[in-house]
C-alpha atoms as a PDB file:
ATOM      1  CA  MET A   1      50.183  99.823 162.974  1.00  0.00           C
ATOM      2  CA  ALA A   2      51.153  96.412 161.618  1.00  0.00           C
ATOM      3  CA  VAL A   3      51.448  95.779 157.813  1.00  0.00           C
ATOM      4  CA  LEU A   4      48.433  94.042 156.242  1.00  0.00           C
ATOM      5  CA  LEU A   5      49.232  91.381 153.810  1.00  0.00           C
ATOM      6  CA  GLU A   6      46.958  89.449 151.457  1.00  0.00           C
ATOM      7  CA  PHE A   7      47.364  85.567 151.585  1.00  0.00           C
ATOM      8  CA  PRO A   8      47.910  84.506 147.888  1.00  0.00           C
ATOM      9  CA  VAL A   9      44.839  82.195 147.725  1.00  0.00           C
ATOM     10  CA  THR A  10      44.951  81.890 143.864  1.00  0.00           C
ATOM     11  CA  ALA A  11      48.692  81.090 143.619  1.00  0.00           C
ATOM     12  CA  LEU A  12      48.983  78.618 146.512  1.00  0.00           C
ATOM     13  CA  LYS A  13      47.025  75.430 147.274  1.00  0.00           C
ATOM     14  CA  VAL A  14      45.450  75.282 150.739  1.00  0.00           C
ATOM     15  CA  ARG A  15      44.760  71.808 152.193  1.00  0.00           C
ATOM     16  CA  ASN A  16      43.294  70.545 155.488  1.00  0.00           C
ATOM     17  CA  PRO A  17      41.721  73.819 156.758  1.00  0.00           C
ATOM     18  CA  ALA A  18      40.583  74.096 160.329  1.00  0.00           C
ATOM     19  CA  ILE A  19      38.399  77.055 161.330  1.00  0.00           C
ATOM     20  CA  ALA A  20      36.722  77.785 164.594  1.00  0.00           C
ATOM     21  CA  PRO A  21      36.304  80.406 167.293  1.00  0.00           C
ATOM     22  CA  ALA A  22      38.100  80.009 170.551  1.00  0.00           C
ATOM     23  CA  TYR A  23      35.909  81.039 173.435  1.00  0.00           C
ATOM     24  CA  ASN A  24      37.826  82.496 176.417  1.00  0.00           C
ATOM     25  CA  THR A  25      35.554  81.311 179.178  1.00  0.00           C
ATOM     26  CA  ARG A  26      36.099  82.361 182.787  1.00  0.00           C
ATOM     27  CA  PRO A  27      36.843  79.758 185.514  1.00  0.00           C
ATOM     28  CA  GLY A  28      33.668  77.758 186.351  1.00  0.00           C
ATOM     29  CA  HIS A  29      31.861  76.933 189.544  1.00  0.00           C
ATOM     30  CA  GLU A  30      31.223  73.369 190.550  1.00  0.00           C
ATOM     31  CA  ALA A  31      28.336  72.323 192.649  1.00  0.00           C
ATOM     32  CA  THR A  32      28.254  69.716 195.376  1.00  0.00           C
ATOM     33  CA  ASN A  33      26.624  67.312 192.997  1.00  0.00           C
ATOM     34  CA  GLY A  34      29.521  67.431 190.613  1.00  0.00           C
ATOM     35  CA  MET A  35      27.789  69.621 188.076  1.00  0.00           C
ATOM     36  CA  ARG A  36      29.833  72.485 186.678  1.00  0.00           C
ATOM     37  CA  ARG A  37      29.027  75.548 184.646  1.00  0.00           C
ATOM     38  CA  SER A  38      31.019  78.476 183.250  1.00  0.00           C
ATOM     39  CA  THR A  39      30.459  81.815 184.920  1.00  0.00           C
ATOM     40  CA  GLY A  40      30.605  83.545 181.535  1.00  0.00           C
ATOM     41  CA  MET A  41      32.791  84.402 178.556  1.00  0.00           C
ATOM     42  CA  SER A  42      35.327  87.218 178.534  1.00  0.00           C
ATOM     43  CA  GLY A  43      35.753  87.159 174.737  1.00  0.00           C
ATOM     44  CA  ALA A  44      36.369  85.060 171.562  1.00  0.00           C
ATOM     45  CA  GLN A  45      38.924  84.957 168.848  1.00  0.00           C
ATOM     46  CA  TRP A  46      38.734  82.962 165.655  1.00  0.00           C
ATOM     47  CA  LYS A  47      41.613  80.551 164.869  1.00  0.00           C
ATOM     48  CA  MET A  48      42.609  79.148 161.492  1.00  0.00           C
ATOM     49  CA  LYS A  49      45.023  76.471 160.588  1.00  0.00           C
ATOM     50  CA  PHE A  50      45.867  74.992 157.173  1.00  0.00           C
ATOM     51  CA  ASP A  51      48.520  73.216 155.084  1.00  0.00           C
ATOM     52  CA  VAL A  52      49.937  74.778 152.037  1.00  0.00           C
ATOM     53  CA  LEU A  53      51.152  72.435 149.329  1.00  0.00           C
ATOM     54  CA  VAL A  54      54.365  73.475 147.448  1.00  0.00           C
ATOM     55  CA  HIS A  55      55.356  71.272 144.474  1.00  0.00           C
ATOM     56  CA  ASP A  56      57.135  73.377 141.954  1.00  0.00           C
ATOM     57  CA  GLU A  57      59.382  76.445 141.486  1.00  0.00           C
ATOM     58  CA  ALA A  58      56.539  78.872 141.225  1.00  0.00           C
ATOM     59  CA  SER A  59      54.701  77.636 144.390  1.00  0.00           C
ATOM     60  CA  VAL A  60      57.822  77.374 146.528  1.00  0.00           C
ATOM     61  CA  ARG A  61      59.052  80.808 145.699  1.00  0.00           C
ATOM     62  CA  THR A  62      55.489  82.327 146.108  1.00  0.00           C
ATOM     63  CA  MET A  63      55.414  80.674 149.634  1.00  0.00           C
ATOM     64  CA  ARG A  64      58.802  81.858 150.528  1.00  0.00           C
ATOM     65  CA  ALA A  65      58.184  85.444 149.316  1.00  0.00           C
ATOM     66  CA  PHE A  66      54.967  85.477 151.423  1.00  0.00           C
ATOM     67  CA  LEU A  67      56.920  84.325 154.511  1.00  0.00           C
ATOM     68  CA  PHE A  68      59.650  86.929 153.907  1.00  0.00           C
ATOM     69  CA  GLN A  69      57.005  89.579 153.760  1.00  0.00           C
ATOM     70  CA  MET A  70      55.076  88.295 156.768  1.00  0.00           C
ATOM     71  CA  GLU A  71      58.104  88.018 159.122  1.00  0.00           C
ATOM     72  CA  ALA A  72      56.474  85.744 161.607  1.00  0.00           C
ATOM     73  CA  ASP A  73      53.921  87.498 163.680  1.00  0.00           C
ATOM     74  CA  SER A  74      55.051  91.143 162.833  1.00  0.00           C
ATOM     75  CA  SER A  75      52.373  91.450 159.926  1.00  0.00           C
ATOM     76  CA  LEU A  76      48.605  90.997 159.973  1.00  0.00           C
ATOM     77  CA  VAL A  77      47.337  88.682 157.195  1.00  0.00           C
ATOM     78  CA  ARG A  78      44.029  89.017 155.472  1.00  0.00           C
ATOM     79  CA  ILE A  79      42.651  85.524 154.224  1.00  0.00           C
ATOM     80  CA  ARG A  80      39.532  84.621 152.485  1.00  0.00           C
ATOM     81  CA  MET A  81      38.159  81.840 154.779  1.00  0.00           C
ATOM     82  CA  PRO A  82      38.769  78.561 152.979  1.00  0.00           C
ATOM     83  CA  ASP A  83      35.410  76.863 153.981  1.00  0.00           C
ATOM     84  CA  ARG A  84      34.048  74.326 151.677  1.00  0.00           C
ATOM     85  CA  TYR A  85      30.781  74.323 153.420  1.00  0.00           C
ATOM     86  CA  GLY A  86      30.618  78.154 153.720  1.00  0.00           C
ATOM     87  CA  ILE A  87      27.822  80.222 152.062  1.00  0.00           C
ATOM     88  CA  ASP A  88      30.210  81.237 149.233  1.00  0.00           C
ATOM     89  CA  GLY A  89      31.932  77.808 148.912  1.00  0.00           C
ATOM     90  CA  PRO A  90      35.729  77.578 148.745  1.00  0.00           C
ATOM     91  CA  PHE A  91      37.511  80.824 147.830  1.00  0.00           C
ATOM     92  CA  SER A  92      34.797  82.514 145.895  1.00  0.00           C
ATOM     93  CA  LEU A  93      35.976  85.611 144.238  1.00  0.00           C
ATOM     94  CA  ALA A  94      32.611  87.394 144.041  1.00  0.00           C
ATOM     95  CA  THR A  95      33.423  90.065 146.570  1.00  0.00           C
ATOM     96  CA  GLN A  96      32.806  93.748 146.647  1.00  0.00           C
ATOM     97  CA  SER A  97      36.185  94.439 145.286  1.00  0.00           C
ATOM     98  CA  VAL A  98      35.355  92.302 142.136  1.00  0.00           C
ATOM     99  CA  ARG A  99      32.182  94.443 141.688  1.00  0.00           C
ATOM    100  CA  ASP A 100      34.189  97.597 142.117  1.00  0.00           C
ATOM    101  CA  GLN A 101      36.670  96.285 139.465  1.00  0.00           C
ATOM    102  CA  TYR A 102      33.917  95.474 136.972  1.00  0.00           C
ATOM    103  CA  PRO A 103      31.038  98.043 137.628  1.00  0.00           C
ATOM    104  CA  ASP A 104      29.423  97.174 134.203  1.00  0.00           C
ATOM    105  CA  GLY A 105      29.792  93.413 134.822  1.00  0.00           C
ATOM    106  CA  ILE A 106      32.539  90.743 134.008  1.00  0.00           C
ATOM    107  CA  PRO A 107      33.497  90.745 130.376  1.00  0.00           C
ATOM    108  CA  PHE A 108      34.099  87.730 128.165  1.00  0.00           C
ATOM    109  CA  ALA A 109      37.541  86.193 128.019  1.00  0.00           C
ATOM    110  CA  THR A 110      38.147  88.441 124.964  1.00  0.00           C
ATOM    111  CA  ASP A 111      37.304  91.482 127.141  1.00  0.00           C
ATOM    112  CA  ALA A 112      34.188  91.904 124.995  1.00  0.00           C
ATOM    113  CA  MET A 113      30.891  92.934 126.381  1.00  0.00           C
ATOM    114  CA  TYR A 114      27.267  92.113 125.385  1.00  0.00           C
ATOM    115  CA  ALA A 115      25.767  94.347 122.740  1.00  0.00           C
ATOM    116  CA  THR A 116      24.061  96.245 125.525  1.00  0.00           C
ATOM    117  CA  GLY A 117      27.455  97.336 126.787  1.00  0.00           C
ATOM    118  CA  VAL A 118      27.278  95.280 130.009  1.00  0.00           C
ATOM    119  CA  GLY A 119      28.964  92.111 130.992  1.00  0.00           C
ATOM    120  CA  HIS A 120      28.152  89.009 133.079  1.00  0.00           C
ATOM    121  CA  ALA A 121      26.475  89.706 136.448  1.00  0.00           C
ATOM    122  CA  VAL A 122      28.772  89.425 139.506  1.00  0.00           C
ATOM    123  CA  PRO A 123      27.019  87.186 142.255  1.00  0.00           C
ATOM    124  CA  THR A 124      26.202  89.046 145.305  1.00  0.00           C
ATOM    125  CA  LEU A 125      27.776  87.775 148.380  1.00  0.00           C
ATOM    126  CA  GLU A 126      27.034  90.526 150.748  1.00  0.00           C
ATOM    127  CA  THR A 127      23.844  91.413 152.696  1.00  0.00           C
ATOM    128  CA  TYR A 128      23.261  94.500 154.709  1.00  0.00           C
ATOM    129  CA  PHE A 129      21.942  95.591 158.253  1.00  0.00           C
ATOM    130  CA  SER A 130      18.305  96.439 157.934  1.00  0.00           C
ATOM    131  CA  ALA A 131      18.513  98.154 161.261  1.00  0.00           C
ATOM    132  CA  ASP A 132      21.001  99.580 163.694  1.00  0.00           C
ATOM    133  CA  ALA A 133      22.809  97.190 165.960  1.00  0.00           C
ATOM    134  CA  ASP A 134      24.402  98.030 169.323  1.00  0.00           C
ATOM    135  CA  LEU A 135      27.685  96.886 170.516  1.00  0.00           C
ATOM    136  CA  GLY A 136      27.382  93.537 172.143  1.00  0.00           C
ATOM    137  CA  ALA A 137      24.166  92.639 170.154  1.00  0.00           C
ATOM    138  CA  ARG A 138      23.529  88.992 169.991  1.00  0.00           C
ATOM    139  CA  GLU A 139      20.817  89.145 167.201  1.00  0.00           C
ATOM    140  CA  VAL A 140      20.830  91.384 164.164  1.00  0.00           C
ATOM    141  CA  TYR A 141      18.406  92.067 161.328  1.00  0.00           C
ATOM    142  CA  VAL A 142      19.618  91.876 157.641  1.00  0.00           C
ATOM    143  CA  THR A 143      18.177  92.730 154.320  1.00  0.00           C
ATOM    144  CA  GLU A 144      18.682  89.307 152.659  1.00  0.00           C
ATOM    145  CA  THR A 145      15.357  87.714 151.792  1.00  0.00           C
ATOM    146  CA  GLY A 146      16.719  84.265 151.086  1.00  0.00           C
ATOM    147  CA  GLU A 147      17.521  82.280 154.325  1.00  0.00           C
ATOM    148  CA  ILE A 148      21.172  82.594 155.371  1.00  0.00           C
ATOM    149  CA  PRO A 149      21.980  79.128 156.784  1.00  0.00           C
ATOM    150  CA  ALA A 150      22.966  78.472 160.487  1.00  0.00           C
ATOM    151  CA  GLY A 151      26.315  76.883 160.850  1.00  0.00           C
ATOM    152  CA  CYS A 152      28.088  79.205 158.351  1.00  0.00           C
ATOM    153  CA  ALA A 153      30.513  81.950 159.027  1.00  0.00           C
ATOM    154  CA  ILE A 154      30.234  85.615 158.062  1.00  0.00           C
ATOM    155  CA  SER A 155      32.451  88.691 158.604  1.00  0.00           C
ATOM    156  CA  ILE A 156      31.382  92.269 159.483  1.00  0.00           C
ATOM    157  CA  ASP A 157      33.999  94.944 159.087  1.00  0.00           C
ATOM    158  CA  GLU A 158      36.558  92.180 158.748  1.00  0.00           C
ATOM    159  CA  PHE A 159      35.670  90.438 162.080  1.00  0.00           C
ATOM    160  CA  CYS A 160      34.450  86.949 161.871  1.00  0.00           C
ATOM    161  CA  TYR A 161      31.181  85.582 163.281  1.00  0.00           C
ATOM    162  CA  GLY A 162      29.347  82.293 163.323  1.00  0.00           C
ATOM    163  CA  ILE A 163      25.640  82.071 162.641  1.00  0.00           C
ATOM    164  CA  GLY A 164      24.052  80.167 165.467  1.00  0.00           C
ATOM    165  CA  GLY A 165      20.568  80.418 164.073  1.00  0.00           C
ATOM    166  CA  SER A 166      18.408  82.359 161.484  1.00  0.00           C
ATOM    167  CA  TRP A 167      14.828  83.100 161.248  1.00  0.00           C
ATOM    168  CA  ILE A 168      12.628  84.920 158.632  1.00  0.00           C
ATOM    169  CA  GLU A 169       9.653  86.711 160.314  1.00  0.00           C
ATOM    170  CA  ASP A 170       7.265  88.928 158.281  1.00  0.00           C
ATOM    171  CA  GLY A 171       9.766  89.255 155.618  1.00  0.00           C
ATOM    172  CA  GLN A 172      12.665  90.275 157.952  1.00  0.00           C
ATOM    173  CA  GLN A 173      15.574  87.964 158.561  1.00  0.00           C
ATOM    174  CA  ARG A 174      17.115  87.728 162.066  1.00  0.00           C
ATOM    175  CA  LEU A 175      20.525  86.257 162.648  1.00  0.00           C
ATOM    176  CA  ARG A 176      21.935  85.058 165.979  1.00  0.00           C
ATOM    177  CA  LEU A 177      25.729  85.781 166.066  1.00  0.00           C
ATOM    178  CA  SER A 178      28.394  84.123 167.959  1.00  0.00           C
ATOM    179  CA  PRO A 179      30.413  86.013 169.509  1.00  0.00           C
ATOM    180  CA  VAL A 180      28.307  89.118 170.078  1.00  0.00           C
ATOM    181  CA  LEU A 181      28.727  92.028 167.840  1.00  0.00           C
ATOM    182  CA  ARG A 182      32.115  93.586 168.577  1.00  0.00           C
ATOM    183  CA  LYS A 183      31.382  97.085 167.064  1.00  0.00           C
ATOM    184  CA  PRO A 184      28.117  98.958 166.713  1.00  0.00           C
ATOM    185  CA  ALA A 185      26.674  98.832 163.132  1.00  0.00           C
ATOM    186  CA  SER A 186      24.418 101.173 161.382  1.00  0.00           C
ATOM    187  CA  ALA A 187      21.585 100.182 159.022  1.00  0.00           C
ATOM    188  CA  GLY A 188      22.984  99.760 155.509  1.00  0.00           C
ATOM    189  CA  ALA A 189      26.306  98.533 156.705  1.00  0.00           C
ATOM    190  CA  THR A 190      27.817  95.549 154.822  1.00  0.00           C
ATOM    191  CA  ILE A 191      27.836  91.984 156.018  1.00  0.00           C
ATOM    192  CA  SER A 192      30.101  89.686 153.935  1.00  0.00           C
ATOM    193  CA  LEU A 193      28.862  86.204 153.256  1.00  0.00           C
ATOM    194  CA  ALA A 194      32.302  85.388 151.816  1.00  0.00           C
ATOM    195  CA  PRO A 195      34.036  85.865 155.160  1.00  0.00           C
ATOM    196  CA  VAL A 196      37.404  87.517 155.589  1.00  0.00           C
ATOM    197  CA  PHE A 197      39.744  86.539 158.278  1.00  0.00           C
ATOM    198  CA  VAL A 198      42.402  89.024 159.723  1.00  0.00           C
ATOM    199  CA  GLY A 199      44.994  87.719 161.978  1.00  0.00           C
ATOM    200  CA  PHE A 200      48.576  87.019 162.804  1.00  0.00           C
ATOM    201  CA  CYS A 201      50.704  83.862 162.459  1.00  0.00           C
ATOM    202  CA  VAL A 202      51.420  81.967 165.610  1.00  0.00           C
ATOM    203  CA  THR A 203      53.367  78.946 163.954  1.00  0.00           C
ATOM    204  CA  ASP A 204      56.857  78.588 165.272  1.00  0.00           C
ATOM    205  CA  SER A 205      59.449  79.126 162.502  1.00  0.00           C
ATOM    206  CA  PRO A 206      56.993  79.097 159.780  1.00  0.00           C
ATOM    207  CA  GLY A 207      58.446  77.723 156.403  1.00  0.00           C
ATOM    208  CA  TYR A 208      60.945  75.593 158.163  1.00  0.00           C
ATOM    209  CA  GLU A 209      59.446  72.244 157.212  1.00  0.00           C
ATOM    210  CA  ALA A 210      61.665  70.180 155.078  1.00  0.00           C
ATOM    211  CA  LEU A 211      60.891  69.481 151.453  1.00  0.00           C
ATOM    212  CA  VAL A 212      60.943  65.948 150.200  1.00  0.00           C
ATOM    213  CA  GLN A 213      64.318  65.517 148.623  1.00  0.00           C
ATOM    214  CA  GLY A 214      64.273  69.316 148.343  1.00  0.00           C
ATOM    215  CA  TRP A 215      61.494  69.196 145.777  1.00  0.00           C
ATOM    216  CA  TYR A 216      58.048  69.408 147.442  1.00  0.00           C
ATOM    217  CA  GLY A 217      56.163  69.211 150.573  1.00  0.00           C
ATOM    218  CA  GLU A 218      53.661  71.041 152.818  1.00  0.00           C
ATOM    219  CA  HIS A 219      53.940  74.034 155.147  1.00  0.00           C
ATOM    220  CA  THR A 220      51.492  74.299 158.105  1.00  0.00           C
ATOM    221  CA  LEU A 221      50.409  77.770 159.169  1.00  0.00           C
ATOM    222  CA  GLU A 222      48.275  78.722 162.148  1.00  0.00           C
ATOM    223  CA  PHE A 223      46.690  82.227 162.629  1.00  0.00           C
ATOM    224  CA  ILE A 224      44.710  83.871 165.557  1.00  0.00           C
ATOM    225  CA  GLU A 225      42.249  86.578 164.874  1.00  0.00           C
ATOM    226  CA  ASP A 226      43.593  90.051 165.584  1.00  0.00           C
ATOM    227  CA  LEU A 227      41.383  91.953 168.002  1.00  0.00           C
ATOM    228  CA  THR A 228      43.672  95.001 168.635  1.00  0.00           C
ATOM    229  CA  ARG A 229      41.781  96.633 165.607  1.00  0.00           C
ATOM    230  CA  LEU A 230      38.899  97.096 168.070  1.00  0.00           C
ATOM    231  CA  VAL A 231      41.089  99.713 169.889  1.00  0.00           C
ATOM    232  CA  GLU A 232      40.694 103.167 168.678  1.00  0.00           C
ATOM    233  CA  SER A 233      43.972 104.793 167.927  1.00  0.00           C
ATOM    234  CA  VAL A 234      45.112 107.556 170.112  1.00  0.00           C
ATOM    235  CA  ASP A 235      47.620 108.986 167.630  1.00  0.00           C
END
Protein backbone atom coordinates (compact mmCIF):
# COMPACT_ATOMS: atom_id res chain seq x y z
CA MET A 1 0.00 0.00 0.00
CA ALA A 2 1.29 3.48 -0.85
CA VAL A 3 2.46 5.79 1.90
CA LEU A 4 -0.11 8.48 2.80
CA LEU A 5 1.37 11.95 3.34
CA GLU A 6 -0.29 15.09 4.68
CA PHE A 7 0.31 18.18 2.57
CA PRO A 8 1.66 20.94 4.91
CA VAL A 9 -1.11 23.47 4.29
CA THR A 10 -0.28 25.59 7.33
CA ALA A 11 3.43 25.90 6.47
CA LEU A 12 3.19 26.56 2.71
CA LYS A 13 1.19 29.17 0.85
CA VAL A 14 -1.06 27.69 -1.85
CA ARG A 15 -2.00 29.94 -4.78
CA ASN A 16 -4.16 29.66 -7.91
CA PRO A 17 -5.98 26.43 -7.00
CA ALA A 18 -7.90 24.60 -9.71
CA ILE A 19 -10.27 21.85 -8.57
CA ALA A 20 -12.77 19.86 -10.65
CA PRO A 21 -13.91 16.31 -11.43
CA ALA A 22 -12.78 14.78 -14.71
CA TYR A 23 -15.68 12.79 -16.18
CA ASN A 24 -14.52 9.78 -18.17
CA THR A 25 -17.32 9.67 -20.72
CA ARG A 26 -17.56 6.88 -23.27
CA PRO A 27 -17.41 7.59 -27.01
CA GLY A 28 -20.56 9.30 -28.17
CA HIS A 29 -23.03 8.67 -30.98
CA GLU A 30 -23.70 11.25 -33.68
CA ALA A 31 -27.05 11.52 -35.42
CA THR A 32 -27.55 12.35 -39.09
CA ASN A 33 -28.66 15.86 -38.08
CA GLY A 34 -25.24 16.48 -36.50
CA MET A 35 -26.40 16.21 -32.91
CA ARG A 36 -24.15 14.22 -30.60
CA ARG A 37 -24.58 12.77 -27.15
CA SER A 38 -22.47 10.68 -24.85
CA THR A 39 -23.51 7.08 -24.28
CA GLY A 40 -22.68 7.33 -20.61
CA MET A 41 -19.90 7.75 -18.11
CA SER A 42 -17.54 5.03 -16.95
CA GLY A 43 -16.29 6.95 -13.94
CA ALA A 44 -14.97 10.22 -12.58
CA GLN A 45 -11.80 11.33 -10.83
CA TRP A 46 -11.21 14.67 -9.18
CA LYS A 47 -8.17 16.67 -10.25
CA MET A 48 -6.38 19.38 -8.29
CA LYS A 49 -3.69 21.78 -9.39
CA PHE A 50 -2.10 24.68 -7.52
CA ASP A 51 1.04 26.76 -7.14
CA VAL A 52 3.11 26.85 -3.96
CA LEU A 53 4.93 30.07 -3.15
CA VAL A 54 8.40 29.62 -1.61
CA HIS A 55 10.11 32.80 -0.46
CA ASP A 56 12.43 32.08 2.44
CA GLU A 57 14.57 29.36 3.99
CA ALA A 58 11.71 27.80 5.97
CA SER A 59 9.28 27.53 3.02
CA VAL A 60 11.94 26.28 0.58
CA ARG A 61 13.11 23.58 2.98
CA THR A 62 9.54 22.59 3.91
CA MET A 63 8.67 22.24 0.22
CA ARG A 64 11.80 20.23 -0.55
CA ALA A 65 11.24 17.93 2.42
CA PHE A 66 7.68 17.23 1.27
CA LEU A 67 8.86 16.44 -2.28
CA PHE A 68 11.61 14.18 -0.95
CA GLN A 69 9.02 12.26 1.07
CA MET A 70 6.48 12.13 -1.76
CA GLU A 71 8.98 10.74 -4.32
CA ALA A 72 6.95 11.74 -7.39
CA ASP A 73 3.83 9.54 -7.67
CA SER A 74 4.98 6.77 -5.32
CA SER A 75 3.03 8.19 -2.35
CA LEU A 76 -0.57 9.21 -1.85
CA VAL A 77 -1.13 12.74 -0.55
CA ARG A 78 -4.00 13.94 1.65
CA ILE A 79 -4.89 17.58 1.00
CA ARG A 80 -7.56 19.79 2.54
CA MET A 81 -9.34 21.14 -0.51
CA PRO A 82 -8.21 24.81 -0.93
CA ASP A 83 -11.58 26.12 -2.08
CA ARG A 84 -12.29 29.74 -1.14
CA TYR A 85 -15.95 29.29 -2.10
CA GLY A 86 -16.36 25.96 -0.30
CA ILE A 87 -18.67 25.44 2.65
CA ASP A 88 -15.76 25.74 5.09
CA GLY A 89 -13.85 28.50 3.28
CA PRO A 90 -10.12 28.12 2.65
CA PHE A 91 -8.30 25.62 4.85
CA SER A 92 -10.62 25.63 7.85
CA LEU A 93 -9.15 23.53 10.65
CA ALA A 94 -12.46 22.67 12.31
CA THR A 95 -12.36 18.99 11.40
CA GLN A 96 -13.13 15.86 13.34
CA SER A 97 -9.45 15.57 14.30
CA VAL A 98 -9.59 19.00 15.97
CA ARG A 99 -12.62 17.99 18.01
CA ASP A 100 -10.86 14.78 18.96
CA GLN A 101 -7.86 16.84 20.08
CA TYR A 102 -10.02 19.23 22.12
CA PRO A 103 -12.93 17.13 23.45
CA ASP A 104 -13.74 19.81 26.07
CA GLY A 105 -13.40 22.71 23.65
CA ILE A 106 -10.52 24.85 22.43
CA PRO A 107 -8.69 26.61 25.30
CA PHE A 108 -7.56 30.22 25.39
CA ALA A 109 -4.06 31.08 24.13
CA THR A 110 -2.85 30.66 27.72
CA ASP A 111 -4.28 27.10 27.74
CA ALA A 112 -6.87 28.24 30.30
CA MET A 113 -10.48 27.09 30.13
CA TYR A 114 -13.66 28.84 31.21
CA ALA A 115 -14.61 28.57 34.88
CA THR A 116 -17.00 25.77 33.94
CA GLY A 117 -14.04 23.68 32.75
CA VAL A 118 -14.83 23.87 29.05
CA GLY A 119 -13.25 25.82 26.19
CA HIS A 120 -14.48 27.49 23.03
CA ALA A 121 -16.79 25.41 20.88
CA VAL A 122 -15.33 23.87 17.73
CA PRO A 123 -17.52 24.57 14.68
CA THR A 124 -19.17 21.51 13.23
CA LEU A 125 -18.08 20.89 9.67
CA GLU A 126 -19.63 17.48 9.26
CA THR A 127 -23.07 16.15 8.68
CA TYR A 128 -24.28 12.56 8.68
CA PHE A 129 -26.31 10.18 6.55
CA SER A 130 -29.84 10.05 7.91
CA ALA A 131 -30.58 6.85 5.97
CA ASP A 132 -28.63 4.04 4.38
CA ALA A 133 -27.35 4.73 0.85
CA ASP A 134 -26.51 2.09 -1.74
CA LEU A 135 -23.47 1.89 -3.96
CA GLY A 136 -24.13 4.08 -7.00
CA ALA A 137 -26.73 6.24 -5.25
CA ARG A 138 -27.23 9.60 -6.96
CA GLU A 139 -29.20 11.18 -4.14
CA VAL A 140 -28.63 10.82 -0.39
CA TYR A 141 -30.36 12.09 2.75
CA VAL A 142 -28.42 13.90 5.48
CA THR A 143 -29.08 15.12 9.02
CA GLU A 144 -28.05 18.77 8.49
CA THR A 145 -31.06 21.05 8.93
CA GLY A 146 -29.47 24.16 7.42
CA GLU A 147 -29.31 24.05 3.63
CA ILE A 148 -26.04 22.71 2.22
CA PRO A 149 -25.50 24.82 -0.90
CA ALA A 150 -25.25 23.34 -4.38
CA GLY A 151 -22.02 24.07 -6.20
CA CYS A 152 -19.83 23.03 -3.28
CA ALA A 153 -17.69 19.95 -2.73
CA ILE A 154 -17.86 17.43 0.11
CA SER A 155 -15.98 14.25 0.91
CA ILE A 156 -17.27 10.90 2.09
CA ASP A 157 -14.74 8.40 3.39
CA GLU A 158 -12.12 10.73 1.85
CA PHE A 159 -13.57 10.49 -1.66
CA CYS A 160 -14.68 13.77 -3.22
CA TYR A 161 -18.16 14.62 -4.52
CA GLY A 162 -19.80 17.72 -5.94
CA ILE A 163 -23.26 18.82 -4.83
CA GLY A 164 -25.40 19.28 -7.92
CA GLY A 165 -28.49 20.27 -5.96
CA SER A 166 -29.97 20.25 -2.45
CA TRP A 167 -33.54 20.25 -1.20
CA ILE A 168 -35.19 20.32 2.22
CA GLU A 169 -38.49 18.48 2.29
CA ASP A 170 -40.45 17.89 5.51
CA GLY A 171 -37.32 18.59 7.56
CA GLN A 172 -35.19 16.13 5.57
CA GLN A 173 -32.33 17.35 3.41
CA ARG A 174 -31.59 15.58 0.13
CA LEU A 175 -28.33 16.02 -1.79
CA ARG A 176 -27.68 15.19 -5.43
CA LEU A 177 -24.11 13.91 -5.81
CA SER A 178 -21.67 13.93 -8.68
CA PRO A 179 -20.26 11.40 -9.24
CA VAL A 180 -22.56 8.75 -7.76
CA LEU A 181 -21.71 7.20 -4.42
CA ARG A 182 -18.59 5.06 -4.82
CA LYS A 183 -19.13 2.97 -1.65
CA PRO A 184 -22.33 2.08 0.22
CA ALA A 185 -22.93 4.10 3.38
CA SER A 186 -24.91 3.42 6.53
CA ALA A 187 -27.10 5.84 8.45
CA GLY A 188 -24.88 7.80 10.82
CA ALA A 189 -21.81 7.71 8.57
CA THR A 190 -19.90 11.00 8.38
CA ILE A 191 -19.96 13.46 5.47
CA SER A 192 -17.21 16.07 5.63
CA LEU A 193 -18.23 19.59 4.65
CA ALA A 194 -14.53 20.49 4.78
CA PRO A 195 -13.59 18.10 1.97
CA VAL A 196 -10.41 16.05 1.92
CA PHE A 197 -8.73 15.10 -1.35
CA VAL A 198 -6.50 12.00 -1.55
CA GLY A 199 -4.48 11.53 -4.71
CA PHE A 200 -1.11 11.13 -6.35
CA CYS A 201 1.11 13.69 -8.05
CA VAL A 202 1.21 13.69 -11.86
CA THR A 203 3.56 16.68 -12.29
CA ASP A 204 6.71 15.89 -14.27
CA SER A 205 9.80 16.43 -12.10
CA PRO A 206 7.98 18.24 -9.26
CA GLY A 207 10.20 20.83 -7.58
CA TYR A 208 12.40 21.39 -10.65
CA GLU A 209 11.17 24.95 -11.25
CA ALA A 210 13.92 27.56 -11.01
CA LEU A 211 13.98 30.06 -8.15
CA VAL A 212 14.48 33.70 -9.10
CA GLN A 213 18.18 34.35 -8.43
CA GLY A 214 18.03 31.21 -6.29
CA TRP A 215 15.89 32.99 -3.70
CA TYR A 216 12.15 32.68 -4.31
CA GLY A 217 9.61 31.34 -6.77
CA GLU A 218 6.62 29.05 -7.28
CA HIS A 219 6.29 25.30 -7.66
CA THR A 220 3.32 23.92 -9.59
CA LEU A 221 1.82 20.63 -8.42
CA GLU A 222 -1.01 18.63 -9.99
CA PHE A 223 -2.77 15.67 -8.39
CA ILE A 224 -5.34 13.10 -9.53
CA GLU A 225 -7.72 11.43 -7.08
CA ASP A 226 -6.70 7.89 -6.18
CA LEU A 227 -9.45 5.33 -6.80
CA THR A 228 -7.43 2.20 -6.05
CA ARG A 229 -8.66 2.63 -2.45
CA LEU A 230 -12.03 1.39 -3.67
CA VAL A 231 -10.54 -2.05 -4.31
CA GLU A 232 -10.73 -4.37 -1.32
CA SER A 233 -7.36 -5.82 -0.32
CA VAL A 234 -6.94 -9.53 -0.98
CA ASP A 235 -3.99 -9.88 1.39
